[in-house]
Amino acid sequence: MTQSELIILNLIEIRRRSIKLWNGLPEKYYNWKPDEKAMSASEMIRHVLEADYGWNIIINHGDMTNYKTPWENRPFINVTDELEFAEPYRKKL
């Protein structure tokens, strides 16, 4: 297995486990924070999903100067909705 294949396999496995964890989180805990300075559970989920978009730009030597996320001003509804919205960006990565 090549280094690239190992990296891809690791990304797939991490995402699989993350989705399992996120789907097990009751909606009443979406806004839970371990402390006031921390991200909420929903903010952390979005942060992880959003990273695929940003990393794709970086990997392809895109310009991050005026970075705008497709998630800007998008409300967090639930994990399923976030995963569906993020899927095209994940596939592109």
N, C-alpha and C. Protein backbone atom coordinates (compact mmCIF):
# COMPACT_ATOMS: atom_id res chain seq x y z
N MET A 1 0.84 -1.17 0.00
CA MET A 1 0.00 0.00 0.00
C MET A 1 0.89 1.24 0.00
N THR A 2 0.57 2.20 -0.84
CA THR A 2 1.37 3.42 -0.94
C THR A 2 1.03 4.38 0.21
N GLN A 3 1.85 5.39 0.39
CA GLN A 3 1.59 6.40 1.41
C GLN A 3 0.26 7.10 1.15
N SER A 4 0.00 7.42 -0.10
CA SER A 4 -1.26 8.09 -0.45
C SER A 4 -2.45 7.22 -0.12
N GLU A 5 -2.35 5.94 -0.41
CA GLU A 5 -3.44 5.01 -0.12
C GLU A 5 -3.66 4.89 1.40
N LEU A 6 -2.58 4.91 2.16
CA LEU A 6 -2.70 4.86 3.62
C LEU A 6 -3.37 6.12 4.18
N ILE A 7 -3.00 7.24 3.63
CA ILE A 7 -3.61 8.51 4.06
C ILE A 7 -5.10 8.50 3.75
N ILE A 8 -5.46 8.07 2.56
CA ILE A 8 -6.87 8.03 2.16
C ILE A 8 -7.64 7.05 3.05
N LEU A 9 -7.06 5.88 3.28
CA LEU A 9 -7.69 4.90 4.15
C LEU A 9 -7.91 5.46 5.55
N ASN A 10 -6.93 6.18 6.06
CA ASN A 10 -7.05 6.80 7.38
C ASN A 10 -8.17 7.85 7.39
N LEU A 11 -8.25 8.68 6.36
CA LEU A 11 -9.31 9.68 6.28
C LEU A 11 -10.69 9.03 6.26
N ILE A 12 -10.81 7.95 5.50
CA ILE A 12 -12.08 7.23 5.41
C ILE A 12 -12.47 6.65 6.76
N GLU A 13 -11.51 6.03 7.42
CA GLU A 13 -11.79 5.40 8.72
C GLU A 13 -12.12 6.42 9.80
N ILE A 14 -11.41 7.53 9.82
CA ILE A 14 -11.71 8.58 10.79
C ILE A 14 -13.12 9.12 10.57
N ARG A 15 -13.48 9.34 9.30
CA ARG A 15 -14.82 9.86 9.01
C ARG A 15 -15.89 8.84 9.40
N ARG A 16 -15.65 7.57 9.13
CA ARG A 16 -16.62 6.53 9.48
C ARG A 16 -16.88 6.52 10.98
N ARG A 17 -15.82 6.60 11.77
CA ARG A 17 -15.97 6.60 13.22
C ARG A 17 -16.62 7.89 13.72
N SER A 18 -16.28 9.00 13.10
CA SER A 18 -16.88 10.28 13.50
C SER A 18 -18.38 10.25 13.25
N ILE A 19 -18.79 9.77 12.10
CA ILE A 19 -20.22 9.71 11.77
C ILE A 19 -20.95 8.82 12.77
N LYS A 20 -20.35 7.72 13.12
CA LYS A 20 -20.95 6.82 14.11
C LYS A 20 -21.16 7.56 15.44
N LEU A 21 -20.16 8.29 15.87
CA LEU A 21 -20.25 9.06 17.11
C LEU A 21 -21.31 10.16 16.99
N TRP A 22 -21.26 10.93 15.90
CA TRP A 22 -22.21 12.03 15.71
C TRP A 22 -23.64 11.54 15.66
N ASN A 23 -23.88 10.43 14.98
CA ASN A 23 -25.24 9.89 14.89
C ASN A 23 -25.75 9.39 16.23
N GLY A 24 -24.85 9.06 17.14
CA GLY A 24 -25.25 8.62 18.47
C GLY A 24 -25.51 9.76 19.44
N LEU A 25 -25.23 10.97 19.03
CA LEU A 25 -25.41 12.14 19.90
C LEU A 25 -26.87 12.60 19.86
N PRO A 26 -27.57 12.57 21.00
CA PRO A 26 -28.95 13.08 21.02
C PRO A 26 -28.98 14.57 20.67
N GLU A 27 -30.00 14.97 19.93
CA GLU A 27 -30.11 16.38 19.50
C GLU A 27 -30.08 17.36 20.66
N LYS A 28 -30.54 16.94 21.82
CA LYS A 28 -30.54 17.86 22.97
C LYS A 28 -29.13 18.25 23.40
N TYR A 29 -28.12 17.51 22.92
CA TYR A 29 -26.73 17.82 23.26
C TYR A 29 -25.99 18.56 22.15
N TYR A 30 -26.65 18.94 21.09
CA TYR A 30 -25.98 19.65 19.99
C TYR A 30 -25.32 20.94 20.47
N ASN A 31 -25.90 21.61 21.44
CA ASN A 31 -25.35 22.88 21.92
C ASN A 31 -24.50 22.75 23.17
N TRP A 32 -24.25 21.52 23.61
CA TRP A 32 -23.44 21.29 24.81
C TRP A 32 -21.99 21.66 24.56
N LYS A 33 -21.38 22.29 25.57
CA LYS A 33 -19.96 22.65 25.54
C LYS A 33 -19.32 22.15 26.82
N PRO A 34 -18.10 21.62 26.74
CA PRO A 34 -17.43 21.20 27.97
C PRO A 34 -17.06 22.39 28.86
N ASP A 35 -16.88 23.55 28.24
CA ASP A 35 -16.66 24.79 28.99
C ASP A 35 -17.01 25.96 28.08
N GLU A 36 -17.06 27.15 28.65
CA GLU A 36 -17.51 28.34 27.90
C GLU A 36 -16.64 28.70 26.70
N LYS A 37 -15.37 28.38 26.74
CA LYS A 37 -14.47 28.73 25.65
C LYS A 37 -14.44 27.68 24.54
N ALA A 38 -15.05 26.55 24.76
CA ALA A 38 -15.02 25.44 23.80
C ALA A 38 -16.11 25.60 22.74
N MET A 39 -15.93 24.88 21.63
CA MET A 39 -16.98 24.80 20.61
C MET A 39 -18.09 23.88 21.15
N SER A 40 -19.30 24.13 20.69
CA SER A 40 -20.39 23.22 21.02
C SER A 40 -20.23 21.96 20.17
N ALA A 41 -20.99 20.94 20.49
CA ALA A 41 -20.92 19.69 19.72
C ALA A 41 -21.26 19.96 18.25
N SER A 42 -22.30 20.75 17.98
CA SER A 42 -22.66 21.03 16.59
C SER A 42 -21.60 21.87 15.88
N GLU A 43 -20.98 22.79 16.60
CA GLU A 43 -19.89 23.60 16.00
C GLU A 43 -18.69 22.72 15.66
N MET A 44 -18.40 21.74 16.49
CA MET A 44 -17.29 20.84 16.22
C MET A 44 -17.58 19.95 15.02
N ILE A 45 -18.81 19.45 14.93
CA ILE A 45 -19.20 18.63 13.77
C ILE A 45 -19.03 19.45 12.50
N ARG A 46 -19.56 20.64 12.51
CA ARG A 46 -19.46 21.50 11.33
C ARG A 46 -18.00 21.82 11.01
N HIS A 47 -17.21 22.11 12.01
CA HIS A 47 -15.79 22.42 11.83
C HIS A 47 -15.08 21.27 11.10
N VAL A 48 -15.34 20.06 11.52
CA VAL A 48 -14.71 18.89 10.90
C VAL A 48 -15.18 18.74 9.45
N LEU A 49 -16.47 18.87 9.21
CA LEU A 49 -16.99 18.71 7.85
C LEU A 49 -16.52 19.84 6.93
N GLU A 50 -16.48 21.02 7.47
CA GLU A 50 -16.04 22.20 6.72
C GLU A 50 -14.57 22.10 6.30
N ALA A 51 -13.80 21.39 7.08
CA ALA A 51 -12.36 21.27 6.81
C ALA A 51 -12.09 20.64 5.45
N ASP A 52 -12.95 19.72 5.01
CA ASP A 52 -12.76 19.10 3.69
C ASP A 52 -12.73 20.17 2.59
N TYR A 53 -13.59 21.14 2.72
CA TYR A 53 -13.66 22.22 1.73
C TYR A 53 -12.35 23.02 1.72
N GLY A 54 -11.91 23.43 2.90
CA GLY A 54 -10.68 24.21 2.99
C GLY A 54 -9.44 23.43 2.58
N TRP A 55 -9.34 22.18 3.02
CA TRP A 55 -8.17 21.36 2.66
C TRP A 55 -8.12 21.12 1.16
N ASN A 56 -9.26 20.98 0.52
CA ASN A 56 -9.27 20.79 -0.92
C ASN A 56 -8.66 22.00 -1.64
N ILE A 57 -8.96 23.18 -1.17
CA ILE A 57 -8.38 24.40 -1.75
C ILE A 57 -6.87 24.40 -1.53
N ILE A 58 -6.45 24.10 -0.31
CA ILE A 58 -5.02 24.12 0.02
C ILE A 58 -4.26 23.08 -0.79
N ILE A 59 -4.76 21.86 -0.83
CA ILE A 59 -4.09 20.77 -1.55
C ILE A 59 -3.93 21.09 -3.03
N ASN A 60 -4.92 21.76 -3.59
CA ASN A 60 -4.88 22.11 -5.01
C ASN A 60 -4.29 23.48 -5.26
N HIS A 61 -3.58 24.00 -4.26
CA HIS A 61 -2.86 25.27 -4.36
C HIS A 61 -3.77 26.45 -4.70
N GLY A 62 -4.98 26.40 -4.15
CA GLY A 62 -5.92 27.50 -4.36
C GLY A 62 -5.59 28.67 -3.47
N ASP A 63 -6.23 29.78 -3.74
CA ASP A 63 -6.00 31.02 -2.99
C ASP A 63 -6.95 31.07 -1.79
N MET A 64 -6.39 31.11 -0.59
CA MET A 64 -7.18 31.17 0.63
C MET A 64 -7.33 32.61 1.15
N THR A 65 -6.84 33.58 0.38
CA THR A 65 -6.87 34.97 0.82
C THR A 65 -8.29 35.43 1.15
N ASN A 66 -9.22 35.17 0.28
CA ASN A 66 -10.61 35.59 0.48
C ASN A 66 -11.50 34.38 0.74
N TYR A 67 -11.02 33.49 1.59
CA TYR A 67 -11.73 32.25 1.90
C TYR A 67 -13.14 32.52 2.39
N LYS A 68 -14.09 31.87 1.76
CA LYS A 68 -15.49 31.93 2.19
C LYS A 68 -15.99 30.50 2.23
N THR A 69 -16.61 30.15 3.30
CA THR A 69 -17.13 28.81 3.46
C THR A 69 -18.56 28.71 2.93
N PRO A 70 -18.91 27.60 2.30
CA PRO A 70 -20.29 27.39 1.86
C PRO A 70 -21.26 27.26 3.05
N TRP A 71 -20.74 27.05 4.24
CA TRP A 71 -21.57 26.91 5.43
C TRP A 71 -21.93 28.25 6.06
N GLU A 72 -21.36 29.34 5.56
CA GLU A 72 -21.60 30.65 6.16
C GLU A 72 -23.09 30.96 6.21
N ASN A 73 -23.56 31.34 7.37
CA ASN A 73 -24.96 31.70 7.63
C ASN A 73 -25.94 30.53 7.41
N ARG A 74 -25.44 29.33 7.40
CA ARG A 74 -26.29 28.15 7.24
C ARG A 74 -26.59 27.59 8.63
N PRO A 75 -27.86 27.45 8.97
CA PRO A 75 -28.18 26.92 10.31
C PRO A 75 -27.85 25.43 10.42
N PHE A 76 -27.45 25.02 11.60
CA PHE A 76 -27.22 23.60 11.87
C PHE A 76 -28.58 23.01 12.23
N ILE A 77 -29.04 22.06 11.43
CA ILE A 77 -30.35 21.44 11.67
C ILE A 77 -30.17 20.11 12.40
N ASN A 78 -29.39 19.23 11.80
CA ASN A 78 -29.08 17.95 12.43
C ASN A 78 -27.90 17.31 11.70
N VAL A 79 -27.42 16.20 12.20
CA VAL A 79 -26.23 15.55 11.64
C VAL A 79 -26.49 15.08 10.21
N THR A 80 -27.63 14.49 9.97
CA THR A 80 -27.95 13.99 8.62
C THR A 80 -27.92 15.12 7.60
N ASP A 81 -28.51 16.25 7.94
CA ASP A 81 -28.52 17.41 7.04
C ASP A 81 -27.10 17.90 6.78
N GLU A 82 -26.28 17.97 7.82
CA GLU A 82 -24.89 18.41 7.66
C GLU A 82 -24.10 17.45 6.76
N LEU A 83 -24.28 16.16 6.97
CA LEU A 83 -23.56 15.17 6.16
C LEU A 83 -23.97 15.24 4.69
N GLU A 84 -25.26 15.42 4.44
CA GLU A 84 -25.74 15.54 3.05
C GLU A 84 -25.17 16.78 2.38
N PHE A 85 -25.15 17.90 3.11
CA PHE A 85 -24.61 19.13 2.56
C PHE A 85 -23.11 19.01 2.29
N ALA A 86 -22.40 18.30 3.18
CA ALA A 86 -20.95 18.18 3.08
C ALA A 86 -20.49 17.15 2.05
N GLU A 87 -21.35 16.24 1.66
CA GLU A 87 -20.96 15.12 0.79
C GLU A 87 -20.27 15.55 -0.50
N PRO A 88 -20.76 16.53 -1.25
CA PRO A 88 -20.06 16.92 -2.48
C PRO A 88 -18.63 17.41 -2.23
N TYR A 89 -18.42 18.10 -1.11
CA TYR A 89 -17.09 18.60 -0.77
C TYR A 89 -16.17 17.46 -0.35
N ARG A 90 -16.73 16.46 0.32
CA ARG A 90 -15.96 15.29 0.72
C ARG A 90 -15.52 14.51 -0.52
N LYS A 91 -16.45 14.34 -1.46
CA LYS A 91 -16.12 13.60 -2.70
C LYS A 91 -15.05 14.33 -3.49
N LYS A 92 -15.12 15.65 -3.51
CA LYS A 92 -14.13 16.43 -4.24
C LYS A 92 -12.74 16.32 -3.62
N LEU A 93 -12.71 16.22 -2.29
CA LEU A 93 -11.43 16.09 -1.60
C LEU A 93 -10.77 14.78 -1.98
